Amino acid sequence: MAPQSTEIFDEMVELLYQQREFTIGDFTVDPGKYEYVKTTLNELEELGWVDRLDPGHPDPSWGPGEKAKLLMDLPDEDS
């Protein structure tokens, strides 16, 4: 069974949280670059990878940009 869009997105968020680079299709996400992460997640949503209105999403009001912003609020390991 193919994973649902929310499962794919949750996996992306987990990888970002772990500060690891990953690639989906033609998109490479660098967790150190917020604008690129935000843009990439929004582009993935537009392509149908992430559906912010998916009833299985924990909070449908959260879009990829909001998730990425929350990730950026995590403390840096260097500080």
Protein backbone atom coordinates (compact mmCIF):
# COMPACT_ATOMS: atom_id res chain seq x y z
CA MET A 1 0.00 0.00 0.00
CA ALA A 2 1.37 3.42 -0.95
CA PRO A 3 2.04 5.82 1.93
CA GLN A 4 -0.43 8.66 2.40
CA SER A 5 0.69 12.24 1.83
CA THR A 6 0.61 12.93 5.56
CA GLU A 7 2.93 9.97 6.20
CA ILE A 8 5.37 11.26 3.60
CA PHE A 9 5.21 14.75 5.10
CA ASP A 10 5.66 13.45 8.66
CA GLU A 11 8.74 11.53 7.49
CA MET A 12 10.11 14.71 5.89
CA VAL A 13 9.53 16.65 9.11
CA GLU A 14 11.25 13.93 11.15
CA LEU A 15 14.27 13.98 8.83
CA LEU A 16 14.42 17.77 9.05
CA TYR A 17 14.19 17.56 12.83
CA GLN A 18 17.18 15.21 12.77
CA GLN A 19 19.02 17.81 10.64
CA ARG A 20 19.68 15.38 7.81
CA GLU A 21 19.58 16.23 4.15
CA PHE A 22 17.17 14.19 2.07
CA THR A 23 15.84 14.09 -1.46
CA ILE A 24 12.35 13.43 -2.80
CA GLY A 25 12.07 13.42 -6.57
CA ASP A 26 13.92 16.45 -7.89
CA PHE A 27 13.84 18.30 -4.58
CA THR A 28 16.75 18.26 -2.15
CA VAL A 29 16.06 19.76 1.26
CA ASP A 30 18.89 21.40 3.16
CA PRO A 31 17.71 21.79 6.77
CA GLY A 32 20.06 24.74 7.24
CA LYS A 33 18.25 26.90 4.69
CA TYR A 34 14.78 27.85 5.88
CA GLU A 35 13.60 29.65 2.74
CA TYR A 36 14.60 26.70 0.57
CA VAL A 37 12.94 24.24 2.94
CA LYS A 38 9.76 26.34 3.01
CA THR A 39 9.73 26.69 -0.76
CA THR A 40 10.42 23.00 -1.29
CA LEU A 41 7.65 21.89 1.05
CA ASN A 42 5.21 24.30 -0.60
CA GLU A 43 6.23 23.01 -4.04
CA LEU A 44 5.73 19.44 -2.88
CA GLU A 45 2.28 20.41 -1.66
CA GLU A 46 1.45 21.98 -5.02
CA LEU A 47 2.53 18.78 -6.74
CA GLY A 48 0.13 16.83 -4.54
CA TRP A 49 2.70 15.26 -2.20
CA VAL A 50 1.23 17.10 0.76
CA ASP A 51 -2.43 17.99 1.07
CA ARG A 52 -2.99 20.51 3.84
CA LEU A 53 -6.73 19.69 3.81
CA ASP A 54 -6.12 15.96 4.22
CA PRO A 55 -8.53 14.85 7.00
CA GLY A 56 -5.77 12.59 8.34
CA HIS A 57 -3.46 15.58 8.94
CA PRO A 58 -3.00 16.27 12.69
CA ASP A 59 -3.97 19.93 12.23
CA PRO A 60 -5.36 20.88 8.79
CA SER A 61 -4.66 24.56 9.46
CA TRP A 62 -0.92 23.83 9.40
CA GLY A 63 0.61 24.11 5.96
CA PRO A 64 4.18 23.11 5.04
CA GLY A 65 5.39 26.67 5.64
CA GLU A 66 4.15 26.63 9.21
CA LYS A 67 5.82 23.27 9.85
CA ALA A 68 9.10 24.53 8.40
CA LYS A 69 8.91 27.70 10.51
CA LEU A 70 8.41 25.61 13.65
CA LEU A 71 11.47 23.56 12.72
CA MET A 72 13.51 26.75 12.48
CA ASP A 73 12.52 27.62 16.07
CA LEU A 74 14.40 24.56 17.33
CA PRO A 75 17.59 25.45 19.22
CA ASP A 76 20.85 25.09 17.32
CA GLU A 77 23.12 22.36 18.57
CA ASP A 78 26.08 24.74 18.24
CA SER A 79 24.73 27.33 20.68
